[in-house]
Amino acid sequence: MKEIKSIGVFTSGGDAPGMNAAIRAVVRTAIYYDLRVFGVNRGYDGLVKGDIFEMEAKSVANIIQRGGTFLKTARSSEFMTEEGRAKAYQQIQHFGLDALVAIGGDGTFTGAKKLIDEHQVPVIGIPGTIDNDLQGTDFTIGYDTAINTVVDAVDKIRDTAESHDRVFIVEVMGRDSGLIALRSGIGIGAEAILIPEAKMDFSAMLNRLDKTRKNKSSRIIIVAEGDEGGGAFEVADRVKNRFPHYDVRISVLGHIQRGGRPSCMDRVLASRLGVASVEALLAGKSGEMAGLLGNEICFTPFDRAIKHIRTVNPHLLKIVDILSM
């Protein structure tokens, strides 16, 4: 394998709090090991277009606390073609990059795998996605911040729900994964949590809502946007049809979940994985995602990491039933 003297780092796909902390860790670790390091603006789009610049330690000063990604992120239809990936490889050669660190989710790693297969470019991935739906790591960068954002928002919603004796249907992100909904729902004491991974007995849920009506001045239902129930608006319609006397309101949190200062947990996770990714490249690894399992750094091949988690911890689902009384 070619000796690595220069690496590039980029973020791709949806932004996630903590990505900047990961970039910072990659840049400073590379410099620590006497490597040249380059930033790629706007992910694969920047790689194709050669929007690449050399970085130094001060390039990443004062960014660890910032949300989003200062390298920007963008979709690239051109990179999805063989011709586009060939252009990206030409830019990699032009800038003298020996390896890449890709920060993102399943789409990012799918693209990286194709670049490896077609042009033998060493790539290590760092999981940056609020959905926490990648195999090979207990938590992805951005997940902890996202669920805390949801908890903070729903705590405020409950204040007004209690003041008016309302039922609130709160929709959170999670088109393919309900892990944000599940963990944040437990954290705010939701009466029901609807997620794609678990089929909900809607009739039983409505019966439970009615049964607990006299004991509670507010009721919160958390819905993942990808749930088979159809999202917050369809769920609200079904609740209103069964209980027309309920004062039902809807709140879609949307992209607020992606923003904000990363939590300490996300900053530390990003820093650990950033350091590990550079050291992995120097050790000859490629085509793998750095992750954290049981508080230990581990590496998972891209083709396994990008397989979405299709099941959730049944104990967490039981907790929802027990505590929603």
Protein backbone atom coordinates (compact mmCIF):
# COMPACT_ATOMS: atom_id res chain seq x y z
CA MET A 1 0.00 0.00 0.00
CA LYS A 2 1.22 3.49 -0.87
CA GLU A 3 2.66 5.47 2.04
CA ILE A 4 0.18 8.08 3.24
CA LYS A 5 1.57 11.58 3.38
CA SER A 6 -1.54 13.62 2.60
CA ILE A 7 -5.24 13.13 3.38
CA GLY A 8 -8.49 14.88 2.53
CA VAL A 9 -11.52 15.24 4.80
CA PHE A 10 -15.11 16.05 3.86
CA THR A 11 -18.67 15.93 5.16
CA SER A 12 -21.53 14.56 3.09
CA GLY A 13 -25.26 13.94 3.33
CA GLY A 14 -27.37 15.57 6.04
CA ASP A 15 -25.51 17.77 8.49
CA ALA A 16 -25.26 16.69 12.11
CA PRO A 17 -24.09 18.49 15.26
CA GLY A 18 -20.54 17.37 16.03
CA MET A 19 -19.32 17.19 12.44
CA ASN A 20 -17.10 20.22 13.06
CA ALA A 21 -15.59 18.51 16.08
CA ALA A 22 -14.80 15.49 13.89
CA ILE A 23 -13.19 17.67 11.19
CA ARG A 24 -11.11 19.38 13.87
CA ALA A 25 -9.92 16.04 15.23
CA VAL A 26 -8.99 14.74 11.77
CA VAL A 27 -7.05 17.88 10.86
CA ARG A 28 -5.09 18.11 14.08
CA THR A 29 -4.38 14.38 14.24
CA ALA A 30 -3.05 14.48 10.68
CA ILE A 31 -0.76 17.38 11.57
CA TYR A 32 0.34 15.57 14.74
CA TYR A 33 1.53 12.70 12.52
CA ASP A 34 3.27 15.09 10.09
CA LEU A 35 0.71 14.66 7.33
CA ARG A 36 -0.61 17.32 4.99
CA VAL A 37 -4.37 17.65 5.30
CA PHE A 38 -6.89 19.15 2.90
CA GLY A 39 -10.52 20.12 3.36
CA VAL A 40 -13.05 19.34 0.64
CA ASN A 41 -15.96 21.77 0.44
CA ARG A 42 -19.50 20.44 -0.16
CA GLY A 43 -18.71 16.74 0.01
CA TYR A 44 -18.58 14.69 -3.18
CA ASP A 45 -19.64 17.71 -5.23
CA GLY A 46 -16.50 19.53 -4.12
CA LEU A 47 -14.41 16.43 -4.76
CA VAL A 48 -15.63 16.30 -8.36
CA LYS A 49 -15.14 20.04 -8.91
CA GLY A 50 -11.81 20.33 -7.11
CA ASP A 51 -13.08 22.66 -4.38
CA ILE A 52 -10.22 21.57 -2.14
CA PHE A 53 -7.87 23.60 0.07
CA GLU A 54 -4.99 22.86 2.41
CA MET A 55 -5.64 23.20 6.12
CA GLU A 56 -3.52 23.83 9.19
CA ALA A 57 -4.15 23.65 12.92
CA LYS A 58 -5.62 27.16 13.14
CA SER A 59 -8.01 26.36 10.27
CA VAL A 60 -10.14 24.45 12.76
CA ALA A 61 -9.79 26.80 15.72
CA ASN A 62 -13.01 27.73 17.52
CA ILE A 63 -15.26 25.29 15.65
CA ILE A 64 -15.71 22.44 18.14
CA GLN A 65 -18.77 24.15 19.64
CA ARG A 66 -20.42 25.02 16.33
CA GLY A 67 -23.30 23.04 14.85
CA GLY A 68 -23.54 22.09 11.20
CA THR A 69 -20.37 21.67 9.15
CA PHE A 70 -18.10 24.50 8.14
CA LEU A 71 -16.93 22.43 5.15
CA LYS A 72 -20.56 22.45 3.97
CA THR A 73 -22.41 19.49 2.53
CA ALA A 74 -24.29 18.92 -0.72
CA ARG A 75 -25.79 16.21 -2.89
CA SER A 76 -23.87 15.33 -6.04
CA SER A 77 -25.75 13.70 -8.91
CA GLU A 78 -22.52 13.81 -10.94
CA PHE A 79 -20.62 11.69 -8.40
CA MET A 80 -23.31 9.03 -8.71
CA THR A 81 -22.03 8.29 -12.23
CA GLU A 82 -18.81 6.48 -13.15
CA GLU A 83 -17.71 9.53 -15.11
CA GLY A 84 -18.24 11.75 -12.09
CA ARG A 85 -16.23 9.45 -9.84
CA ALA A 86 -13.46 9.42 -12.45
CA LYS A 87 -13.38 13.23 -12.28
CA ALA A 88 -13.20 13.02 -8.49
CA TYR A 89 -10.25 10.66 -8.76
CA GLN A 90 -8.49 13.08 -11.12
CA GLN A 91 -8.88 15.81 -8.51
CA ILE A 92 -7.57 13.48 -5.82
CA GLN A 93 -4.48 12.89 -7.93
CA HIS A 94 -4.13 16.58 -8.81
CA PHE A 95 -4.06 17.60 -5.15
CA GLY A 96 -1.83 14.67 -4.18
CA LEU A 97 -4.29 13.11 -1.75
CA ASP A 98 -3.26 9.63 -0.64
CA ALA A 99 -6.42 8.88 1.38
CA LEU A 100 -9.76 10.32 2.48
CA VAL A 101 -11.81 10.61 5.64
CA ALA A 102 -15.55 10.70 4.86
CA ILE A 103 -17.91 12.00 7.54
CA GLY A 104 -21.57 11.14 6.98
CA GLY A 105 -24.11 8.34 6.80
CA ASP A 106 -25.06 5.44 4.57
CA GLY A 107 -25.09 7.45 1.33
CA THR A 108 -21.65 8.82 2.13
CA PHE A 109 -20.23 5.37 2.76
CA THR A 110 -21.91 3.91 -0.31
CA GLY A 111 -20.16 6.53 -2.43
CA ALA A 112 -16.86 5.92 -0.66
CA LYS A 113 -17.10 2.19 -1.34
CA LYS A 114 -17.55 2.83 -5.06
CA LEU A 115 -14.53 5.14 -5.07
CA ILE A 116 -12.47 2.41 -3.41
CA ASP A 117 -13.69 -0.30 -5.78
CA GLU A 118 -13.14 1.72 -8.94
CA HIS A 119 -10.01 3.73 -8.11
CA GLN A 120 -8.44 2.05 -5.04
CA VAL A 121 -8.50 5.23 -2.94
CA PRO A 122 -8.14 4.43 0.78
CA VAL A 123 -11.13 5.79 2.71
CA ILE A 124 -12.14 5.61 6.36
CA GLY A 125 -15.62 6.70 7.38
CA ILE A 126 -16.86 8.54 10.46
CA PRO A 127 -20.58 8.13 11.30
CA GLY A 128 -22.18 11.56 11.25
CA THR A 129 -25.98 11.33 11.22
CA ILE A 130 -28.67 12.28 13.72
CA ASP A 131 -30.65 9.09 12.99
CA ASN A 132 -28.25 6.69 14.79
CA ASP A 133 -29.16 4.02 12.24
CA LEU A 134 -25.74 2.65 11.26
CA GLN A 135 -24.37 -0.74 12.26
CA GLY A 136 -21.04 -0.84 14.06
CA THR A 137 -21.40 1.95 16.59
CA ASP A 138 -23.55 2.45 19.67
CA PHE A 139 -24.12 6.09 18.77
CA THR A 140 -23.57 8.22 15.69
CA ILE A 141 -22.29 11.79 15.85
CA GLY A 142 -25.25 14.17 16.19
CA TYR A 143 -27.73 11.72 17.69
CA ASP A 144 -27.28 12.81 21.30
CA THR A 145 -27.66 16.49 20.42
CA ALA A 146 -30.73 15.79 18.28
CA ILE A 147 -32.61 13.88 20.98
CA ASN A 148 -31.78 16.55 23.55
CA THR A 149 -33.13 19.17 21.14
CA VAL A 150 -36.36 17.18 20.88
CA VAL A 151 -36.60 16.80 24.66
CA ASP A 152 -36.07 20.52 25.19
CA ALA A 153 -38.72 21.41 22.59
CA VAL A 154 -41.31 18.93 23.88
CA ASP A 155 -40.79 20.04 27.49
CA LYS A 156 -41.90 23.50 26.33
CA ILE A 157 -44.81 22.03 24.36
CA ARG A 158 -45.99 20.16 27.46
CA ASP A 159 -46.15 23.43 29.40
CA THR A 160 -48.77 24.79 27.03
CA ALA A 161 -50.46 21.40 26.68
CA GLU A 162 -51.04 21.29 30.44
CA SER A 163 -52.27 24.86 30.52
CA HIS A 164 -55.02 24.04 28.00
CA ASP A 165 -55.64 20.32 28.64
CA ARG A 166 -54.54 19.39 25.12
CA VAL A 167 -53.28 16.37 23.24
CA PHE A 168 -50.16 17.18 21.25
CA ILE A 169 -48.96 15.07 18.32
CA VAL A 170 -45.26 15.83 17.88
CA GLU A 171 -43.52 14.66 14.70
CA VAL A 172 -39.75 14.12 14.82
CA MET A 173 -37.24 13.16 12.15
CA GLY A 174 -36.81 9.51 11.27
CA ARG A 175 -37.99 8.57 7.79
CA ASP A 176 -36.36 5.13 8.00
CA SER A 177 -35.50 4.98 11.69
CA GLY A 178 -37.49 5.62 14.84
CA LEU A 179 -34.56 5.84 17.24
CA ILE A 180 -34.88 9.61 17.74
CA ALA A 181 -38.58 9.20 18.52
CA LEU A 182 -38.07 6.24 20.84
CA ARG A 183 -35.35 7.61 23.07
CA SER A 184 -36.63 11.19 23.19
CA GLY A 185 -40.17 9.92 23.76
CA ILE A 186 -39.06 8.01 26.84
CA GLY A 187 -37.11 11.07 27.96
CA ILE A 188 -40.16 13.35 27.89
CA GLY A 189 -42.63 10.79 29.22
CA ALA A 190 -44.73 10.42 26.08
CA GLU A 191 -48.04 8.60 26.31
CA ALA A 192 -47.33 6.86 23.01
CA ILE A 193 -44.44 6.57 20.56
CA LEU A 194 -45.01 5.60 16.92
CA ILE A 195 -41.97 4.34 15.01
CA PRO A 196 -41.39 2.45 11.72
CA GLU A 197 -39.70 -0.52 13.43
CA ALA A 198 -42.61 -1.45 15.70
CA LYS A 199 -46.22 -2.00 14.64
CA MET A 200 -48.50 -0.05 16.94
CA ASP A 201 -51.94 -1.32 17.97
CA PHE A 202 -53.60 2.01 17.27
CA SER A 203 -56.92 1.04 18.79
CA ALA A 204 -55.22 -0.02 22.03
CA MET A 205 -53.29 3.24 22.10
CA LEU A 206 -56.48 5.27 21.74
CA ASN A 207 -58.14 3.26 24.50
CA ARG A 208 -55.18 3.96 26.77
CA LEU A 209 -55.39 7.68 25.98
CA ASP A 210 -59.05 7.73 26.99
CA LYS A 211 -58.42 5.65 30.11
CA THR A 212 -55.74 8.03 31.39
CA ARG A 213 -57.61 11.21 30.40
CA LYS A 214 -58.86 11.93 33.94
CA ASN A 215 -55.42 11.43 35.47
CA LYS A 216 -53.48 13.73 33.15
CA SER A 217 -53.85 17.34 32.11
CA SER A 218 -51.77 16.81 28.98
CA ARG A 219 -50.89 13.98 26.65
CA ILE A 220 -47.97 13.83 24.24
CA ILE A 221 -47.71 11.42 21.31
CA ILE A 222 -44.33 11.24 19.55
CA VAL A 223 -44.43 10.19 15.88
CA ALA A 224 -41.42 9.38 13.70
CA GLU A 225 -41.98 10.87 10.24
CA GLY A 226 -41.58 7.43 8.64
CA ASP A 227 -44.11 5.64 10.84
CA GLU A 228 -46.77 3.62 9.02
CA GLY A 229 -49.39 5.78 10.74
CA GLY A 230 -48.57 8.44 8.15
CA GLY A 231 -47.01 11.20 10.23
CA ALA A 232 -48.44 13.67 12.73
CA PHE A 233 -51.33 14.97 10.61
CA GLU A 234 -52.78 11.55 9.84
CA VAL A 235 -52.35 10.44 13.44
CA ALA A 236 -54.12 13.59 14.63
CA ASP A 237 -57.03 12.93 12.26
CA ARG A 238 -57.44 9.42 13.66
CA VAL A 239 -57.39 10.72 17.23
CA LYS A 240 -59.97 13.41 16.40
CA ASN A 241 -62.23 10.91 14.67
CA ARG A 242 -62.28 8.71 17.77
CA PHE A 243 -62.41 11.55 20.30
CA PRO A 244 -63.90 14.66 18.67
CA HIS A 245 -64.04 16.39 22.08
CA TYR A 246 -60.22 16.28 22.43
CA ASP A 247 -58.31 19.50 21.80
CA VAL A 248 -55.67 18.03 19.48
CA ARG A 249 -52.71 20.06 18.27
CA ILE A 250 -49.81 19.22 15.96
CA SER A 251 -46.16 20.24 16.15
CA VAL A 252 -43.63 19.20 13.48
CA LEU A 253 -40.14 19.88 14.82
CA GLY A 254 -38.44 19.50 11.42
CA HIS A 255 -34.91 20.74 10.83
CA ILE A 256 -34.55 22.30 14.27
CA GLN A 257 -33.32 18.81 15.23
CA ARG A 258 -30.25 19.14 12.99
CA GLY A 259 -29.02 22.44 14.37
CA GLY A 260 -27.55 23.80 17.54
CA ARG A 261 -24.39 23.40 19.54
CA PRO A 262 -23.31 19.77 19.82
CA SER A 263 -23.59 18.18 23.23
CA CYS A 264 -20.47 17.22 25.18
CA MET A 265 -21.15 13.58 24.34
CA ASP A 266 -21.17 14.33 20.61
CA ARG A 267 -18.01 16.46 20.85
CA VAL A 268 -16.10 13.73 22.67
CA LEU A 269 -17.41 10.99 20.35
CA ALA A 270 -16.45 13.04 17.28
CA SER A 271 -12.99 13.74 18.69
CA ARG A 272 -12.33 10.08 19.46
CA LEU A 273 -13.48 8.89 16.05
CA GLY A 274 -11.58 11.66 14.25
CA VAL A 275 -8.31 10.61 15.85
CA ALA A 276 -9.07 6.92 15.24
CA SER A 277 -9.82 7.49 11.55
CA VAL A 278 -6.44 9.04 10.80
CA GLU A 279 -4.60 6.39 12.80
CA ALA A 280 -6.56 3.69 10.94
CA LEU A 281 -5.44 5.05 7.57
CA LEU A 282 -1.84 5.09 8.75
CA ALA A 283 -2.27 1.48 9.88
CA GLY A 284 -3.39 0.47 6.37
CA LYS A 285 -7.14 0.24 6.92
CA SER A 286 -9.63 1.24 4.22
CA GLY A 287 -13.31 0.74 3.41
CA GLU A 288 -14.30 0.74 7.07
CA MET A 289 -16.26 2.98 9.42
CA ALA A 290 -14.82 3.97 12.78
CA GLY A 291 -17.31 3.45 15.57
CA LEU A 292 -17.68 3.06 19.30
CA LEU A 293 -19.06 -0.18 20.76
CA GLY A 294 -19.06 -0.67 24.51
CA ASN A 295 -16.85 2.45 24.83
CA GLU A 296 -14.17 0.85 22.65
CA ILE A 297 -13.09 2.00 19.20
CA CYS A 298 -13.93 -0.53 16.50
CA PHE A 299 -14.09 -0.67 12.70
CA THR A 300 -16.91 -2.01 10.54
CA PRO A 301 -16.77 -2.59 6.75
CA PHE A 302 -18.87 -0.08 4.81
CA ASP A 303 -21.15 -2.70 3.28
CA ARG A 304 -22.13 -3.87 6.76
CA ALA A 305 -22.28 -0.44 8.40
CA ILE A 306 -24.76 0.95 5.87
CA LYS A 307 -27.36 -1.72 6.57
CA HIS A 308 -30.01 0.11 8.55
CA ILE A 309 -30.91 -1.09 12.01
CA ARG A 310 -34.31 -2.73 11.48
CA THR A 311 -35.09 -3.64 15.08
CA VAL A 312 -35.13 -1.69 18.30
CA ASN A 313 -34.47 -2.79 21.85
CA PRO A 314 -37.72 -4.50 22.97
CA HIS A 315 -36.98 -3.48 26.55
CA LEU A 316 -37.27 0.19 25.54
CA LEU A 317 -40.65 -0.52 23.96
CA LYS A 318 -41.77 -2.22 27.18
CA ILE A 319 -40.63 0.80 29.16
CA VAL A 320 -42.94 2.98 27.06
CA ASP A 321 -45.94 0.76 27.90
CA ILE A 322 -45.12 0.61 31.59
CA LEU A 323 -44.51 4.32 32.10
CA SER A 324 -47.37 5.67 29.95
CA MET A 325 -50.03 4.76 32.54
